[in-house]
Protein backbone atom coordinates (compact mmCIF):
# COMPACT_ATOMS: atom_id res chain seq x y z
CA UNK A 1 -37.11 -2.59 4.01
CA UNK A 2 -38.41 -5.46 6.11
CA UNK A 3 -41.96 -6.42 6.87
CA UNK A 4 -42.80 -7.44 10.44
CA UNK A 5 -45.53 -9.81 9.36
CA UNK A 6 -44.98 -13.31 10.80
CA UNK A 7 -44.03 -15.56 7.91
CA UNK A 8 -42.12 -18.80 7.53
CA UNK A 9 -38.66 -18.88 6.01
CA UNK A 10 -38.17 -18.19 2.36
CA UNK A 11 -37.68 -20.94 -0.15
CA UNK A 12 -35.55 -20.89 -3.25
CA UNK A 13 -38.55 -21.65 -5.45
CA UNK A 14 -39.82 -18.15 -4.91
CA UNK A 15 -38.65 -15.13 -6.80
CA UNK A 16 -35.43 -13.67 -5.51
CA UNK A 17 -35.61 -11.10 -2.73
CA UNK A 18 -34.42 -7.64 -3.63
CA UNK A 19 -33.74 -4.48 -1.64
CA UNK A 20 -34.93 -1.22 -3.15
CA UNK A 21 -34.57 2.35 -1.98
CA UNK A 22 -37.05 4.98 -2.97
CA UNK A 23 -40.41 4.36 -4.57
CA UNK A 24 -41.78 0.81 -4.33
CA UNK A 25 -42.55 -1.08 -7.49
CA UNK A 26 -45.81 -2.89 -7.92
CA UNK A 27 -44.36 -5.93 -9.69
CA UNK A 28 -44.40 -9.23 -7.86
CA UNK A 29 -41.02 -9.99 -6.26
CA UNK A 30 -42.02 -12.26 -3.37
CA UNK A 31 -44.49 -15.03 -2.58
CA UNK A 32 -44.96 -17.15 0.49
CA UNK A 33 -43.50 -20.67 0.31
CA UNK A 34 -45.84 -23.55 -0.30
CA UNK A 35 -45.76 -26.87 1.50
CA UNK A 36 -43.26 -29.25 0.01
CA UNK A 37 -41.05 -26.45 -1.36
CA UNK A 38 -37.34 -27.00 -0.76
CA UNK A 39 -37.21 -29.58 2.03
CA UNK A 40 -33.67 -28.51 2.87
CA UNK A 41 -35.02 -25.47 4.71
CA UNK A 42 -37.08 -27.44 7.18
CA UNK A 43 -34.36 -27.19 9.82
CA UNK A 44 -34.95 -23.53 10.55
CA UNK A 45 -35.72 -22.25 14.00
CA UNK A 46 -39.37 -21.78 13.12
CA UNK A 47 -39.67 -25.48 12.30
CA UNK A 48 -40.85 -27.28 9.26
CA UNK A 49 -44.51 -26.46 9.69
CA UNK A 50 -45.58 -23.79 7.26
CA UNK A 51 -48.26 -21.76 8.92
CA UNK A 52 -49.63 -18.29 8.51
CA UNK A 53 -50.74 -16.25 5.59
CA UNK A 54 -49.59 -17.63 2.23
CA UNK A 55 -51.01 -14.76 0.25
CA UNK A 56 -48.70 -13.43 -2.43
CA UNK A 57 -47.25 -9.96 -1.81
CA UNK A 58 -46.87 -7.40 -4.57
CA UNK A 59 -44.60 -5.15 -2.49
CA UNK A 60 -40.85 -4.97 -2.78
CA UNK A 61 -40.45 -5.87 0.89
CA UNK A 62 -38.58 -8.67 2.63
CA UNK A 63 -40.59 -10.34 5.41
CA UNK A 64 -38.84 -9.96 8.74
CA UNK A 65 -38.76 -13.56 9.89
CA UNK A 66 -37.31 -15.02 6.68
CA UNK A 67 -34.74 -12.23 6.67
CA UNK A 68 -33.70 -12.89 10.27
CA UNK A 69 -33.57 -16.61 9.60
CA UNK A 70 -31.23 -16.10 6.67
CA UNK A 71 -29.05 -13.70 8.66
CA UNK A 72 -28.38 -16.19 11.48
CA UNK A 73 -27.96 -19.22 9.25
CA UNK A 74 -24.48 -20.60 8.59
CA UNK A 75 -25.49 -21.90 5.17
CA UNK A 76 -23.44 -20.01 2.58
CA UNK A 77 -25.47 -21.10 -0.43
CA UNK A 78 -28.88 -20.00 0.84
CA UNK A 79 -28.25 -16.21 0.63
CA UNK A 80 -26.83 -16.62 -2.87
CA UNK A 81 -29.95 -18.47 -4.03
CA UNK A 82 -32.33 -16.01 -2.41
CA UNK A 83 -30.64 -12.69 -3.13
CA UNK A 84 -28.60 -13.52 -6.21
CA UNK A 85 -25.06 -12.39 -6.94
CA UNK A 86 -26.13 -8.82 -7.61
CA UNK A 87 -27.40 -8.19 -4.07
CA UNK A 88 -24.94 -10.33 -2.08
CA UNK A 89 -22.65 -7.37 -1.30
CA UNK A 90 -25.56 -5.39 0.13
CA UNK A 91 -26.73 -8.42 2.10
CA UNK A 92 -23.25 -8.91 3.58
CA UNK A 93 -23.10 -5.22 4.55
CA UNK A 94 -26.49 -5.49 6.28
CA UNK A 95 -25.32 -8.62 8.08
CA UNK A 96 -22.20 -6.83 9.31
CA UNK A 97 -24.23 -3.91 10.63
CA UNK A 98 -26.93 -5.99 12.37
CA UNK A 99 -24.84 -8.82 13.80
CA UNK A 100 -21.44 -7.24 14.33
CA UNK A 101 -22.14 -3.55 14.93
CA UNK A 102 -20.03 -3.32 18.08
CA UNK A 103 -17.10 -4.96 16.32
CA UNK A 104 -17.27 -2.46 13.48
CA UNK A 105 -17.51 0.37 15.98
CA UNK A 106 -14.41 -0.87 17.85
CA UNK A 107 -12.33 -1.24 14.68
CA UNK A 108 -13.56 2.10 13.34
CA UNK A 109 -12.51 3.90 16.53
CA UNK A 110 -9.05 2.31 16.54
CA UNK A 111 -8.39 2.91 12.83
CA UNK A 112 -9.95 6.41 12.76
CA UNK A 113 -12.49 5.75 10.01
CA UNK A 114 -16.23 6.25 9.88
CA UNK A 115 -18.27 3.23 10.84
CA UNK A 116 -20.53 3.77 7.82
CA UNK A 117 -17.54 3.48 5.48
CA UNK A 118 -16.30 0.38 7.29
CA UNK A 119 -19.67 -1.39 7.22
CA UNK A 120 -20.45 -0.43 3.63
CA UNK A 121 -19.89 -3.09 0.97
CA UNK A 122 -16.46 -2.85 -0.71
CA UNK A 123 -16.29 -0.98 -3.96
CA UNK A 124 -16.37 -3.01 -7.12
CA UNK A 125 -13.18 -3.35 -9.10
CA UNK A 126 -13.05 -0.74 -11.82
CA UNK A 127 -13.40 -2.27 -15.31
CA UNK A 128 -10.25 -0.45 -16.42
CA UNK A 129 -8.22 -2.73 -14.14
CA UNK A 130 -9.25 -5.75 -16.21
CA UNK A 131 -8.17 -4.25 -19.53
CA UNK A 132 -4.69 -3.25 -18.31
CA UNK A 133 -3.10 -6.71 -18.94
CA UNK A 134 -4.66 -6.78 -22.43
CA UNK A 135 -3.33 -3.29 -23.14
CA UNK A 136 0.12 -4.34 -21.88
CA UNK A 137 0.17 -7.26 -24.31
CA UNK A 138 -0.72 -4.92 -27.17
CA UNK A 139 2.00 -2.48 -26.14
CA UNK A 140 4.65 -5.22 -26.10
CA UNK A 141 3.38 -6.57 -29.44
CA UNK A 142 3.62 -3.08 -30.94
CA UNK A 143 7.20 -2.75 -29.69
CA UNK A 144 8.14 -6.13 -31.14
CA UNK A 145 6.62 -5.08 -34.47
CA UNK A 146 8.68 -1.88 -34.50
CA UNK A 147 11.78 -3.94 -33.74
CA UNK A 148 11.15 -6.09 -36.82
CA UNK A 149 10.51 -2.98 -38.89
CA UNK A 150 14.04 -1.76 -38.20
CA UNK A 151 15.54 -5.03 -39.47
CA UNK A 152 16.65 -4.71 -43.13
CA UNK A 153 15.38 -8.24 -43.79
CA UNK A 154 11.80 -7.36 -42.88
CA UNK A 155 11.47 -3.60 -43.33
CA UNK A 156 10.19 -3.86 -46.92
CA UNK A 157 7.29 -6.15 -46.07
CA UNK A 158 4.03 -4.72 -47.40
CA UNK A 159 1.95 -5.92 -44.46
CA UNK A 160 3.39 -3.50 -41.90
CA UNK A 161 0.96 -0.76 -42.88
CA UNK A 162 -2.02 -2.99 -42.08
CA UNK A 163 -0.63 -3.95 -38.68
CA UNK A 164 0.02 -0.30 -37.85
CA UNK A 165 -3.55 0.56 -38.80
CA UNK A 166 -4.80 -2.23 -36.51
CA UNK A 167 -2.72 -0.96 -33.57
CA UNK A 168 -3.88 2.62 -34.21
CA UNK A 169 -7.53 1.52 -34.28
CA UNK A 170 -7.07 -0.45 -31.06
CA UNK A 171 -5.54 2.63 -29.41
CA UNK A 172 -8.50 4.72 -30.55
CA UNK A 173 -10.92 2.14 -29.12
CA UNK A 174 -8.96 2.06 -25.87
CA UNK A 175 -9.06 5.87 -25.50
CA UNK A 176 -12.80 5.95 -26.25
CA UNK A 177 -13.40 3.15 -23.77
CA UNK A 178 -11.48 5.00 -21.04
CA UNK A 179 -13.40 8.22 -21.72
CA UNK A 180 -16.69 6.31 -21.53
CA UNK A 181 -15.86 4.57 -18.24
CA UNK A 182 -14.04 7.45 -16.50
CA UNK A 183 -15.95 10.43 -17.88
CA UNK A 184 -14.49 13.35 -19.76
CA UNK A 185 -13.63 15.36 -16.64
CA UNK A 186 -11.94 12.48 -14.85
CA UNK A 187 -10.14 11.45 -18.04
CA UNK A 188 -8.47 14.83 -18.56
CA UNK A 189 -8.23 15.96 -14.92
CA UNK A 190 -8.18 12.72 -12.90
CA UNK A 191 -5.32 10.84 -11.28
CA UNK A 192 -4.17 9.32 -14.60
CA UNK A 193 -4.36 12.53 -16.64
CA UNK A 194 -0.66 12.38 -17.58
CA UNK A 195 -0.98 8.88 -19.02
CA UNK A 196 -4.15 9.87 -20.88
CA UNK A 197 -2.48 12.86 -22.52
CA UNK A 198 0.46 10.64 -23.38
CA UNK A 199 -1.93 8.18 -25.08
CA UNK A 200 -3.44 10.99 -27.11
CA UNK A 201 0.03 12.18 -28.12
CA UNK A 202 0.98 8.68 -29.26
CA UNK A 203 -2.32 8.36 -31.09
CA UNK A 204 -1.61 11.58 -32.98
CA UNK A 205 1.95 10.50 -33.89
CA UNK A 206 0.72 7.08 -34.97
CA UNK A 207 -1.94 8.50 -37.27
CA UNK A 208 0.60 10.96 -38.71
CA UNK A 209 3.04 8.13 -39.29
CA UNK A 210 0.44 6.13 -41.19
CA UNK A 211 -0.43 9.11 -43.38
CA UNK A 212 3.26 9.79 -44.10
CA UNK A 213 3.94 6.15 -45.01
CA UNK A 214 0.98 6.01 -47.35
CA UNK A 215 2.00 9.28 -49.01
CA UNK A 216 5.72 8.63 -49.37
CA UNK A 217 5.49 4.84 -49.97
CA UNK A 218 8.84 4.35 -48.21
CA UNK A 219 10.07 4.39 -44.65
CA UNK A 220 13.86 3.89 -44.88
CA UNK A 221 14.76 7.17 -46.61
CA UNK A 222 12.32 9.48 -44.89
CA UNK A 223 13.69 10.77 -41.60
CA UNK A 224 10.37 12.14 -40.39
CA UNK A 225 8.64 8.80 -40.67
CA UNK A 226 11.45 7.07 -38.78
CA UNK A 227 11.26 9.70 -36.06
CA UNK A 228 7.53 9.19 -35.68
CA UNK A 229 8.06 5.45 -35.57
CA UNK A 230 10.54 5.98 -32.75
CA UNK A 231 7.94 8.08 -30.90
CA UNK A 232 5.55 5.18 -31.23
CA UNK A 233 8.16 2.95 -29.59
CA UNK A 234 8.00 5.22 -26.51
CA UNK A 235 4.54 3.78 -25.93
CA UNK A 236 6.26 0.80 -24.33
CA UNK A 237 6.66 2.99 -21.25
CA UNK A 238 2.93 2.61 -20.64
CA UNK A 239 3.50 -0.97 -19.55
CA UNK A 240 4.48 0.32 -16.10
CA UNK A 241 0.78 0.99 -15.49
CA UNK A 242 0.25 -2.71 -14.91
CA UNK A 243 2.93 -2.71 -12.21
CA UNK A 244 0.32 -1.59 -9.70
CA UNK A 245 -1.00 -5.15 -9.65
CA UNK A 246 -0.24 -6.96 -6.40
CA UNK A 247 2.12 -9.52 -7.89
CA UNK A 248 4.16 -6.63 -9.40
CA UNK A 249 4.76 -4.95 -6.04
CA UNK A 250 8.59 -5.12 -6.07
CA UNK A 251 8.82 -3.97 -9.69
CA UNK A 252 6.37 -1.14 -8.96
CA UNK A 253 8.56 0.03 -6.08
CA UNK A 254 11.62 0.10 -8.35
CA UNK A 255 9.82 2.12 -11.01
CA UNK A 256 8.45 4.46 -8.35
CA UNK A 257 11.93 5.03 -6.97
CA UNK A 258 13.29 5.64 -10.47
CA UNK A 259 10.62 8.24 -11.22
CA UNK A 260 11.10 9.86 -7.82
CA UNK A 261 14.83 10.27 -8.49
CA UNK A 262 14.47 12.05 -11.82
CA UNK A 263 14.90 15.50 -10.25
CA UNK A 264 18.04 14.40 -8.41
CA UNK A 265 19.38 12.86 -11.61
CA UNK A 266 18.80 16.09 -13.51
CA UNK A 267 20.60 18.14 -10.83
CA UNK A 268 23.46 15.63 -10.96
CA UNK A 269 23.77 16.23 -14.69
CA UNK A 270 23.88 19.98 -14.05
CA UNK A 271 26.66 19.59 -11.47
CA UNK A 272 28.70 17.30 -13.70
CA UNK A 273 28.19 19.60 -16.68
CA UNK A 274 29.46 22.61 -14.72
CA UNK A 275 32.61 20.80 -13.55
CA UNK A 276 33.36 19.40 -17.02
CA UNK A 277 32.80 22.84 -18.56
CA UNK A 278 35.47 24.38 -16.34
CA UNK A 279 37.93 21.54 -16.99
CA UNK A 280 37.23 21.67 -20.75
CA UNK A 281 37.85 25.43 -20.77
CA UNK A 282 41.34 25.01 -19.30
CA UNK A 283 42.08 22.09 -21.63
CA UNK A 284 40.99 24.02 -24.73
CA UNK A 285 43.06 27.10 -23.87
CA UNK A 286 46.19 25.13 -22.98
CA UNK A 287 46.28 21.78 -24.76
CA UNK A 288 44.10 22.70 -27.75
CA UNK A 289 46.41 25.56 -28.82
CA UNK A 290 49.63 23.56 -28.54
CA UNK A 291 51.43 22.71 -31.80
CA UNK A 292 52.64 19.37 -30.40
CA UNK A 293 49.03 18.28 -29.98
CA UNK A 294 48.37 19.14 -33.62
CA UNK A 295 51.37 17.10 -34.73
CA UNK A 296 50.12 14.09 -32.74
CA UNK A 297 46.70 14.31 -34.38
CA UNK A 298 44.81 15.20 -31.17
CA UNK A 299 43.59 18.63 -32.21
CA UNK A 300 40.08 17.37 -32.88
CA UNK A 301 39.75 16.21 -29.27
CA UNK A 302 40.53 19.69 -27.86
CA UNK A 303 39.45 21.98 -30.70
CA UNK A 304 36.66 23.70 -28.76
CA UNK A 305 34.89 23.43 -25.41
CA UNK A 306 32.21 20.85 -26.48
CA UNK A 307 34.85 18.50 -27.92
CA UNK A 308 37.04 18.98 -24.86
CA UNK A 309 34.10 18.24 -22.55
CA UNK A 310 33.36 15.01 -24.39
CA UNK A 311 37.04 14.02 -24.30
CA UNK A 312 37.24 14.72 -20.56
CA UNK A 313 34.05 12.72 -19.94
CA UNK A 314 35.47 9.78 -21.91
CA UNK A 315 38.77 9.89 -20.01
CA UNK A 316 37.04 10.05 -16.61
CA UNK A 317 34.74 7.17 -17.64
CA UNK A 318 37.56 4.85 -18.75
CA UNK A 319 37.46 5.28 -22.57
CA UNK A 320 40.39 7.70 -23.02
CA UNK A 321 41.67 6.64 -26.48
CA UNK A 322 42.40 8.57 -29.65
CA UNK A 323 41.30 7.60 -33.16
CA UNK A 324 44.65 5.88 -33.66
CA UNK A 325 44.06 3.64 -30.67
CA UNK A 326 46.67 5.31 -28.44
CA UNK A 327 45.69 6.39 -24.92
CA UNK A 328 45.29 10.17 -24.86
CA UNK A 329 46.54 10.56 -21.30
CA UNK A 330 49.76 8.64 -22.01
CA UNK A 331 50.46 10.63 -25.18
CA UNK A 332 49.91 13.98 -23.46
CA UNK A 333 52.06 12.88 -20.51
CA UNK A 334 55.00 12.29 -22.87
CA UNK A 335 54.58 15.68 -24.54
CA UNK A 336 53.68 17.89 -21.55
CA UNK A 337 55.32 16.10 -18.63
CA UNK A 338 54.60 16.57 -14.93
CA UNK A 339 52.22 19.59 -15.15
CA UNK A 340 49.76 17.59 -17.21
CA UNK A 341 50.06 14.56 -14.90
CA UNK A 342 49.28 16.63 -11.79
CA UNK A 343 46.32 18.37 -13.42
CA UNK A 344 44.97 15.10 -14.83
CA UNK A 345 45.21 13.30 -11.47
CA UNK A 346 43.50 16.15 -9.61
CA UNK A 347 40.67 16.35 -12.14
CA UNK A 348 40.29 12.56 -12.22
CA UNK A 349 40.05 12.37 -8.41
CA UNK A 350 37.59 15.26 -8.36
CA UNK A 351 35.23 13.82 -10.99
CA UNK A 352 35.57 10.05 -10.74
CA UNK A 353 36.07 9.56 -7.00
CA UNK A 354 34.31 12.72 -5.85
CA UNK A 355 31.38 13.78 -7.97
CA UNK A 356 30.49 10.33 -9.36
CA UNK A 357 30.36 8.70 -5.90
CA UNK A 358 28.47 11.60 -4.34
CA UNK A 359 25.92 11.54 -7.16
CA UNK A 360 25.51 7.78 -6.77
CA UNK A 361 25.06 7.97 -2.99
CA UNK A 362 22.55 10.84 -3.14
CA UNK A 363 20.62 9.25 -5.99
CA UNK A 364 20.35 5.89 -4.19
CA UNK A 365 19.16 7.62 -1.01
CA UNK A 366 16.53 9.68 -2.85
CA UNK A 367 15.36 6.64 -4.82
CA UNK A 368 14.95 4.49 -1.71
CA UNK A 369 13.03 7.21 0.10
CA UNK A 370 10.75 7.72 -2.89
CA UNK A 371 10.08 3.98 -3.08
CA UNK A 372 9.12 3.82 0.62
CA UNK A 373 6.78 6.79 0.51
CA UNK A 374 3.06 6.07 0.65
CA UNK A 375 1.25 5.94 -2.66
CA UNK A 376 -1.71 7.77 -1.13
CA UNK A 377 -1.16 11.43 -2.02
CA UNK A 378 -4.71 12.77 -2.18
CA UNK A 379 -7.44 12.90 0.45
CA UNK A 380 -9.51 10.36 -1.47
CA UNK A 381 -6.58 7.95 -1.70
CA UNK A 382 -5.86 8.38 2.03
CA UNK A 383 -9.50 7.60 2.80
CA UNK A 384 -9.48 4.48 0.64
CA UNK A 385 -6.25 3.27 2.23
CA UNK A 386 -7.63 3.84 5.74
CA UNK A 387 -10.81 1.92 4.90
CA UNK A 388 -8.75 -0.92 3.41
CA UNK A 389 -6.65 -1.15 6.58
CA UNK A 390 -9.78 -1.07 8.75
CA UNK A 391 -11.45 -3.87 6.79
CA UNK A 392 -8.32 -6.00 6.86
CA UNK A 393 -8.01 -5.45 10.61
CA UNK A 394 -11.64 -6.46 11.07
CA UNK A 395 -11.12 -9.68 9.13
CA UNK A 396 -8.00 -10.45 11.18
CA UNK A 397 -9.96 -9.81 14.38
CA UNK A 398 -12.61 -12.26 13.17
CA UNK A 399 -9.93 -14.92 12.77
CA UNK A 400 -8.67 -14.44 16.32
CA UNK A 401 -12.23 -14.39 17.72
CA UNK A 402 -13.16 -17.60 15.88
CA UNK A 403 -9.92 -19.24 17.03
CA UNK A 404 -10.58 -18.22 20.63
CA UNK A 405 -14.10 -19.62 20.46
CA UNK A 406 -12.87 -22.95 19.11
CA UNK A 407 -9.89 -23.04 21.47
CA UNK A 408 -12.24 -22.73 24.43
CA UNK A 409 -14.22 -25.76 23.22
CA UNK A 410 -11.22 -28.05 22.83
CA UNK A 411 -11.76 -29.47 26.33
CA UNK A 412 -15.08 -30.95 25.27
CA UNK A 413 -14.74 -34.48 23.87
CA UNK A 414 -17.11 -33.86 20.96
CA UNK A 415 -15.25 -30.89 19.55
CA UNK A 416 -12.60 -30.83 16.88
CA UNK A 417 -8.96 -31.37 17.65
CA UNK A 418 -7.78 -28.58 15.33
CA UNK A 419 -8.83 -25.06 14.54
CA UNK A 420 -10.71 -24.37 11.32
CA UNK A 421 -10.58 -20.88 9.77
CA UNK A 422 -13.00 -21.54 6.94
CA UNK A 423 -15.73 -18.95 6.31
CA UNK A 424 -18.31 -21.24 7.90
CA UNK A 425 -16.36 -21.44 11.15
CA UNK A 426 -15.47 -17.74 11.12
CA UNK A 427 -19.10 -16.60 10.94
CA UNK A 428 -19.70 -14.78 14.21
CA UNK A 429 -21.62 -12.00 15.89
CA UNK A 430 -20.81 -9.43 18.56
CA UNK A 431 -21.22 -12.14 21.16
CA UNK A 432 -17.95 -13.67 19.99
CA UNK A 433 -15.99 -10.42 20.46
CA UNK A 434 -16.23 -9.17 24.00
CA UNK A 435 -13.98 -7.84 26.69
CA UNK A 436 -13.32 -11.29 28.15
CA UNK A 437 -11.40 -12.54 25.11
CA UNK A 438 -7.81 -13.21 26.17
CA UNK A 439 -5.43 -14.39 23.46
CA UNK A 440 -2.64 -16.43 25.00
CA UNK A 441 0.75 -16.92 23.42
CA UNK A 442 -0.07 -20.53 22.57
CA UNK A 443 -3.25 -19.49 20.75
CA UNK A 444 -1.49 -16.56 19.04
CA UNK A 445 1.23 -18.82 17.64
CA UNK A 446 -1.41 -21.29 16.50
CA UNK A 447 -3.44 -18.63 14.69
CA UNK A 448 -0.55 -17.02 12.80
CA UNK A 449 0.31 -20.39 11.25
CA UNK A 450 -2.85 -20.23 9.14
CA UNK A 451 -2.31 -19.15 5.53
CA UNK A 452 -5.32 -16.81 5.49
CA UNK A 453 -4.04 -15.07 8.63
CA UNK A 454 -0.60 -14.73 7.03
CA UNK A 455 -2.22 -13.16 3.97
CA UNK A 456 -4.10 -10.62 6.12
CA UNK A 457 -0.91 -9.78 8.00
CA UNK A 458 0.87 -9.25 4.69
CA UNK A 459 -1.91 -6.86 3.70
CA UNK A 460 -1.30 -4.92 6.92
CA UNK A 461 2.46 -4.88 6.18
CA UNK A 462 3.34 -6.48 9.51
CA UNK A 463 6.96 -7.59 10.12
CA UNK A 464 7.86 -11.09 8.98
CA UNK A 465 9.16 -12.20 12.39
CA UNK A 466 5.57 -12.67 13.57
CA UNK A 467 6.41 -15.28 16.17
CA UNK A 468 7.89 -12.47 18.30
CA UNK A 469 4.94 -10.11 17.90
CA UNK A 470 3.21 -11.42 21.01
CA UNK A 471 6.00 -10.26 23.36
CA UNK A 472 6.06 -6.87 21.62
CA UNK A 473 2.31 -6.28 21.84
CA UNK A 474 2.02 -7.62 25.40
CA UNK A 475 3.58 -4.50 26.89
CA UNK A 476 2.22 -5.09 30.41
CA UNK A 477 3.63 -8.62 30.53
CA UNK A 478 0.30 -10.17 31.53
CA UNK A 479 0.73 -13.12 29.18
CA UNK A 480 -2.60 -12.45 27.39
CA UNK A 481 -3.84 -10.01 24.77
CA UNK A 482 -7.31 -8.47 24.90
CA UNK A 483 -9.20 -7.28 21.83
CA UNK A 484 -8.30 -3.60 22.12
CA UNK A 485 -4.70 -4.37 23.05
CA UNK A 486 -4.35 -6.74 20.08
CA UNK A 487 -5.79 -4.33 17.50
CA UNK A 488 -3.84 -1.33 18.79
CA UNK A 489 -0.61 -3.31 18.85
CA UNK A 490 -0.99 -4.60 15.31
CA UNK A 491 -1.81 -1.15 13.97
CA UNK A 492 1.21 0.39 15.70
CA UNK A 493 3.61 -2.27 14.41
CA UNK A 494 2.51 -2.20 10.76
CA UNK A 495 4.68 -0.47 8.18
CA UNK A 496 8.25 0.75 8.30
CA UNK A 497 9.91 2.36 11.30
CA UNK A 498 9.59 6.13 10.97
CA UNK A 499 11.26 9.08 12.64
CA UNK A 500 7.96 9.92 14.35
CA UNK A 501 8.08 6.57 16.20
CA UNK A 502 11.45 7.42 17.72
CA UNK A 503 10.27 10.95 18.57
CA UNK A 504 7.12 9.55 20.22
CA UNK A 505 9.26 7.22 22.36
CA UNK A 506 11.53 10.13 23.33
CA UNK A 507 8.58 12.34 24.29
CA UNK A 508 7.00 9.53 26.33
CA UNK A 509 10.29 9.00 28.16
CA UNK A 510 10.55 12.72 28.91
CA UNK A 511 6.97 12.75 30.19
CA UNK A 512 7.76 9.87 32.56
CA UNK A 513 10.92 11.66 33.67
CA UNK A 514 8.94 14.83 34.44
CA UNK A 515 6.45 12.79 36.44
CA UNK A 516 9.27 11.21 38.45
CA UNK A 517 10.72 14.67 39.17
CA UNK A 518 7.30 15.86 40.37
CA UNK A 519 6.92 12.78 42.59
CA UNK A 520 10.37 13.38 44.05
CA UNK A 521 9.53 17.02 44.76
CA UNK A 522 6.27 16.00 46.46
CA UNK A 523 8.17 13.45 48.54
CA UNK A 524 10.62 16.11 49.71
CA UNK A 525 7.75 18.43 50.59
CA UNK A 526 6.09 15.63 52.52
CA UNK A 527 9.29 14.94 54.46
CA UNK A 528 9.63 18.62 55.28
CA UNK A 529 6.05 18.74 56.56
CA UNK A 530 6.61 15.67 58.75
CA UNK A 531 9.77 17.21 60.23
CA UNK A 532 7.86 20.40 61.08
CA UNK A 533 5.15 18.40 62.83
CA UNK A 534 7.71 16.46 64.84
CA UNK A 535 9.72 19.57 65.79
CA UNK A 536 8.05 20.11 69.29
CA UNK A 537 8.83 16.51 70.30
CA UNK A 538 12.56 17.02 69.93
CA UNK A 539 12.74 18.79 73.43
CA UNK A 540 10.60 16.27 75.19
CA UNK A 541 12.89 14.83 77.88
CA UNK A 542 13.00 11.30 79.14
CA UNK A 543 12.46 12.38 82.77
CA UNK A 544 9.17 14.05 81.90
CA UNK A 545 8.11 10.97 80.08
CA UNK A 546 8.90 8.90 83.21
CA UNK A 547 6.81 11.22 85.36
CA UNK A 548 3.92 10.78 83.01
CA UNK A 549 4.26 7.03 83.29
CA UNK A 550 4.27 7.18 87.11
CA UNK A 551 1.25 9.48 87.22
CA UNK A 552 -0.65 7.19 84.89
CA UNK A 553 -1.11 9.81 82.19
CA UNK A 554 0.53 7.45 79.72
CA UNK A 555 -0.40 3.79 79.49
CA UNK A 556 1.99 1.24 78.08
CA UNK A 557 0.60 -2.14 77.10
CA UNK A 558 3.13 -4.98 77.08
CA UNK A 559 2.14 -8.15 75.29
CA UNK A 560 3.96 -11.47 75.68
């Protein structure tokens, strides 16, 4: 809350200002500045003279005049000294609402978000994000340890049990830490519930493995312990959780496409299994029962359907050799002749050139589509993504507004000869964003060369050929872009081209076509009406018109 009592600006020697909601505390949080305190603040609009009541206040209230003075100042360090790092986000949100309310309203309307969400301070980064790299390092270290455990030169080392206990304890601490930060409900039912259950499963297998190793005192001859150790190796899959970091974007897309294509891959296995089962059935009933095959030592390859399926898969994959090293297809061709050759060629073409290529094409298509799909699948994720886009658009609009303001002052001899996009120069109010802003092509090309503007455009997923964006957005060909036209154009261009964009263009074209048909129909109706009105004049003879001229009923004015 703000007090309307007239007071001079705040000084840094006083206690820090704080905003509180709810019941006011009675502890002292503010006192009026004394003369001689912080001479750097003497340049305020109220002047250096400190006048008025200097009585200390025991209320958790910010005096109005010091607050307004801090809001309009361009000094970046003053708010940090007065409010502290804990309240800077709230101060920035208040500054956005008070000084740039119309800007937030414009961006909120164009991005379809609530203005309260747009003006609110951004959410703090969840602490779990910071521990992900540390967890990834532990996962890789655990995998490396398991790799050394499988080496006969190191598997008998007595220190492995202590390292496994350390990794198990770290996993327990990690699970407890996640439960504490996320809450029990969000941990078991939140967005990462699958990973959390997977962690618990690995924790259970790890503890069981430790108990088994301690009880048996060996790990090479006990199959169960080796199996549990292999399960612990699966924990390396958890490293994909860190792929959501921004510098892992390409790798995250590949993993997302791989996961999205699992269903297609499973169906491909089912199709291939069915075809191989039919081929193996014919091969078992014909080749497997032949005495010549038994004499050549190939009975084991066609003894039953499973062995025949594996043999067919090997032949279609390029590894069609018997235990003796001879090619199976060549041996069977010599013993069975042309019928085998025809059947082998047909099956090879069907599986290798037909099913394999179709599976590959479908799998690649499904994987690419899954990688391009939006990661926002829930309503909460959609809301967060919309707010992120709105805030990025607002920051980009600030850059263009600041550039326009500086570009207009370049004619003055005292101004700078280059545009500066630093935070100090980009500090603006609603007065800087108005309907008279007109971004020319020269200014647009100058702005997009800035690295911070390029970063914001990357966040909006704008095309990389940004030098041609001006002609695309300037649909009316006026040569300038206004605020609304600029924001709408950037929001329409962002992202990949979708089917809905083509459909929208088709519907707009049809709407224009319908309007042209209606205009043409109205024109024909107008012509018909004019012809009906002029119908009586068709029988008006020239002689009658001459008589009217002679009688003076009709006057003709001739001008030279």
